[in-house]
C-alpha atoms as a PDB file:
ATOM      1  CA  PHE A   1     -63.794  32.777 -42.401  1.00  0.00           C
ATOM      2  CA  SER A   2     -66.367  30.109 -43.075  1.00  0.00           C
ATOM      3  CA  SER A   3     -68.667  32.669 -44.751  1.00  0.00           C
ATOM      4  CA  ARG A   4     -65.937  33.169 -47.395  1.00  0.00           C
ATOM      5  CA  GLY A   5     -65.510  29.451 -47.967  1.00  0.00           C
ATOM      6  CA  ILE A   6     -62.276  29.160 -45.970  1.00  0.00           C
ATOM      7  CA  VAL A   7     -62.233  26.269 -43.549  1.00  0.00           C
ATOM      8  CA  ILE A   8     -59.715  26.360 -40.716  1.00  0.00           C
ATOM      9  CA  PRO A   9     -59.447  23.082 -38.786  1.00  0.00           C
ATOM     10  CA  LEU A  10     -59.543  23.265 -35.001  1.00  0.00           C
ATOM     11  CA  LEU A  11     -56.728  21.689 -33.057  1.00  0.00           C
ATOM     12  CA  GLY A  12     -58.854  20.867 -30.020  1.00  0.00           C
ATOM     13  CA  ALA A  13     -58.710  21.858 -26.389  1.00  0.00           C
ATOM     14  CA  ILE A  14     -55.564  23.241 -24.785  1.00  0.00           C
ATOM     15  CA  PRO A  15     -54.430  20.919 -21.985  1.00  0.00           C
ATOM     16  CA  ARG A  16     -54.439  22.308 -18.453  1.00  0.00           C
ATOM     17  CA  GLY A  17     -51.890  21.826 -15.740  1.00  0.00           C
ATOM     18  CA  LEU A  18     -48.331  20.632 -15.873  1.00  0.00           C
ATOM     19  CA  PRO A  19     -47.259  17.836 -18.256  1.00  0.00           C
ATOM     20  CA  LYS A  20     -46.644  14.438 -16.850  1.00  0.00           C
ATOM     21  CA  ILE A  21     -43.091  13.098 -16.509  1.00  0.00           C
ATOM     22  CA  VAL A  22     -42.365  10.667 -19.334  1.00  0.00           C
ATOM     23  CA  ALA A  23     -39.638   8.062 -19.249  1.00  0.00           C
ATOM     24  CA  PRO A  24     -37.829   7.992 -22.609  1.00  0.00           C
ATOM     25  CA  ALA A  25     -38.261   4.802 -24.609  1.00  0.00           C
ATOM     26  CA  LEU A  26     -34.709   3.605 -25.053  1.00  0.00           C
ATOM     27  CA  SER A  27     -33.184   0.394 -26.231  1.00  0.00           C
ATOM     28  CA  LEU A  28     -29.585  -0.722 -26.332  1.00  0.00           C
ATOM     29  CA  HIS A  29     -29.328  -0.724 -30.125  1.00  0.00           C
ATOM     30  CA  MET A  30     -30.508   2.923 -30.221  1.00  0.00           C
ATOM     31  CA  LEU A  31     -27.918   4.123 -27.736  1.00  0.00           C
ATOM     32  CA  PRO A  32     -24.986   4.870 -30.151  1.00  0.00           C
ATOM     33  CA  ALA A  33     -27.179   7.036 -32.400  1.00  0.00           C
ATOM     34  CA  ILE A  34     -28.735   8.839 -29.434  1.00  0.00           C
ATOM     35  CA  LEU A  35     -25.357   9.562 -27.903  1.00  0.00           C
ATOM     36  CA  LYS A  36     -23.966  10.852 -31.189  1.00  0.00           C
ATOM     37  CA  ALA A  37     -26.927  13.180 -31.706  1.00  0.00           C
ATOM     38  CA  ALA A  38     -26.875  14.299 -28.063  1.00  0.00           C
ATOM     39  CA  THR A  39     -23.155  15.104 -28.269  1.00  0.00           C
ATOM     40  CA  VAL A  40     -23.581  17.161 -31.425  1.00  0.00           C
ATOM     41  CA  LEU A  41     -26.537  19.068 -29.980  1.00  0.00           C
ATOM     42  CA  ALA A  42     -24.644  19.684 -26.695  1.00  0.00           C
ATOM     43  CA  VAL A  43     -21.534  21.003 -28.516  1.00  0.00           C
ATOM     44  CA  VAL A  44     -23.554  23.288 -30.836  1.00  0.00           C
ATOM     45  CA  GLY A  45     -25.665  24.528 -27.902  1.00  0.00           C
ATOM     46  CA  THR A  46     -22.523  25.199 -25.834  1.00  0.00           C
ATOM     47  CA  ILE A  47     -20.871  27.165 -28.618  1.00  0.00           C
ATOM     48  CA  ASP A  48     -24.048  29.179 -29.283  1.00  0.00           C
ATOM     49  CA  THR A  49     -24.643  29.925 -25.621  1.00  0.00           C
ATOM     50  CA  LEU A  50     -21.061  30.929 -24.918  1.00  0.00           C
ATOM     51  CA  LEU A  51     -20.902  33.103 -28.036  1.00  0.00           C
ATOM     52  CA  THR A  52     -24.136  34.858 -27.037  1.00  0.00           C
ATOM     53  CA  SER A  53     -22.822  35.390 -23.492  1.00  0.00           C
ATOM     54  CA  LEU A  54     -19.518  36.785 -24.802  1.00  0.00           C
ATOM     55  CA  ILE A  55     -21.287  39.233 -27.069  1.00  0.00           C
ATOM     56  CA  VAL A  56     -23.605  40.341 -24.276  1.00  0.00           C
ATOM     57  CA  ASP A  57     -20.678  40.743 -21.835  1.00  0.00           C
ATOM     58  CA  ASN A  58     -18.832  42.945 -24.355  1.00  0.00           C
ATOM     59  CA  MET A  59     -21.927  45.066 -25.093  1.00  0.00           C
ATOM     60  CA  MET A  60     -22.863  45.595 -21.442  1.00  0.00           C
ATOM     61  CA  SER A  61     -19.379  45.575 -19.848  1.00  0.00           C
ATOM     62  CA  THR A  62     -20.327  42.664 -17.623  1.00  0.00           C
ATOM     63  CA  PHE A  63     -18.901  39.236 -16.838  1.00  0.00           C
ATOM     64  CA  HIS A  64     -20.868  35.997 -16.490  1.00  0.00           C
ATOM     65  CA  ASP A  65     -19.807  32.631 -15.064  1.00  0.00           C
ATOM     66  CA  PRO A  66     -19.651  30.221 -18.025  1.00  0.00           C
ATOM     67  CA  ASN A  67     -19.659  27.160 -15.766  1.00  0.00           C
ATOM     68  CA  ARG A  68     -22.850  28.259 -14.111  1.00  0.00           C
ATOM     69  CA  GLU A  69     -24.394  29.058 -17.486  1.00  0.00           C
ATOM     70  CA  LEU A  70     -23.611  25.644 -18.958  1.00  0.00           C
ATOM     71  CA  ILE A  71     -24.617  23.671 -15.871  1.00  0.00           C
ATOM     72  CA  GLY A  72     -27.989  25.499 -15.838  1.00  0.00           C
ATOM     73  CA  GLN A  73     -28.446  24.848 -19.533  1.00  0.00           C
ATOM     74  CA  GLY A  74     -27.616  21.169 -19.153  1.00  0.00           C
ATOM     75  CA  LEU A  75     -29.942  20.687 -16.177  1.00  0.00           C
ATOM     76  CA  GLY A  76     -32.711  22.595 -17.919  1.00  0.00           C
ATOM     77  CA  ASN A  77     -32.426  20.608 -21.108  1.00  0.00           C
ATOM     78  CA  THR A  78     -32.295  17.297 -19.199  1.00  0.00           C
ATOM     79  CA  LEU A  79     -35.369  18.113 -17.143  1.00  0.00           C
ATOM     80  CA  SER A  80     -37.160  19.456 -20.189  1.00  0.00           C
ATOM     81  CA  GLY A  81     -36.668  16.122 -21.972  1.00  0.00           C
ATOM     82  CA  LEU A  82     -38.415  14.315 -19.086  1.00  0.00           C
ATOM     83  CA  PHE A  83     -41.532  16.441 -19.714  1.00  0.00           C
ATOM     84  CA  GLY A  84     -41.458  16.017 -23.522  1.00  0.00           C
ATOM     85  CA  GLY A  85     -39.796  19.385 -24.111  1.00  0.00           C
ATOM     86  CA  LEU A  86     -37.134  20.350 -26.626  1.00  0.00           C
ATOM     87  CA  PRO A  87     -33.515  21.364 -25.864  1.00  0.00           C
ATOM     88  CA  GLY A  88     -32.638  25.041 -25.850  1.00  0.00           C
ATOM     89  CA  ALA A  89     -29.486  27.127 -26.110  1.00  0.00           C
ATOM     90  CA  GLY A  90     -28.437  30.759 -26.352  1.00  0.00           C
ATOM     91  CA  ASN A  91     -30.351  32.807 -28.940  1.00  0.00           C
ATOM     92  CA  THR A  92     -28.131  35.558 -30.149  1.00  0.00           C
ATOM     93  CA  VAL A  93     -30.380  37.777 -32.299  1.00  0.00           C
ATOM     94  CA  PRO A  94     -33.331  38.117 -29.859  1.00  0.00           C
ATOM     95  CA  THR A  95     -30.841  38.716 -27.014  1.00  0.00           C
ATOM     96  CA  LEU A  96     -29.256  41.551 -28.981  1.00  0.00           C
ATOM     97  CA  VAL A  97     -32.647  43.051 -29.757  1.00  0.00           C
ATOM     98  CA  ASN A  98     -33.517  42.987 -26.069  1.00  0.00           C
ATOM     99  CA  ILE A  99     -30.225  44.722 -25.194  1.00  0.00           C
ATOM    100  CA  LYS A 100     -30.724  47.397 -27.870  1.00  0.00           C
ATOM    101  CA  GLN A 101     -34.266  47.992 -26.518  1.00  0.00           C
ATOM    102  CA  ASN A 102     -32.915  48.299 -22.980  1.00  0.00           C
ATOM    103  CA  SER A 103     -34.968  45.345 -21.790  1.00  0.00           C
ATOM    104  CA  ARG A 104     -33.985  44.146 -18.284  1.00  0.00           C
ATOM    105  CA  SER A 105     -36.814  41.834 -17.261  1.00  0.00           C
ATOM    106  CA  PRO A 106     -36.494  38.030 -17.591  1.00  0.00           C
ATOM    107  CA  VAL A 107     -39.929  38.176 -19.252  1.00  0.00           C
ATOM    108  CA  SER A 108     -38.353  39.956 -22.225  1.00  0.00           C
ATOM    109  CA  GLY A 109     -36.658  36.721 -23.176  1.00  0.00           C
ATOM    110  CA  MET A 110     -40.029  34.943 -23.446  1.00  0.00           C
ATOM    111  CA  VAL A 111     -41.779  37.589 -25.604  1.00  0.00           C
END
């Protein structure tokens, strides 16, 4: 693109390997705000995940274990935070697309 006068900045090298574990920087005065935000995110994530699971169960005539689903989500989000990751929850629309396309591989959720 440089021949047309368009300059695209480079971001740099992509890091290799696994990220390092990072201890969160917390202080006592931040705790109420963090707990409030964490509670809201947990409730919204729980509702979204359970709604997605319910829709999938109805579409596929299956039954999932909601306790297992939420414990896995909580552990995954907690561990993700230690590596600088972001929390995740159910994602209804891509899940429905995967079902309609007859996707069965766990890789289909990443694509």
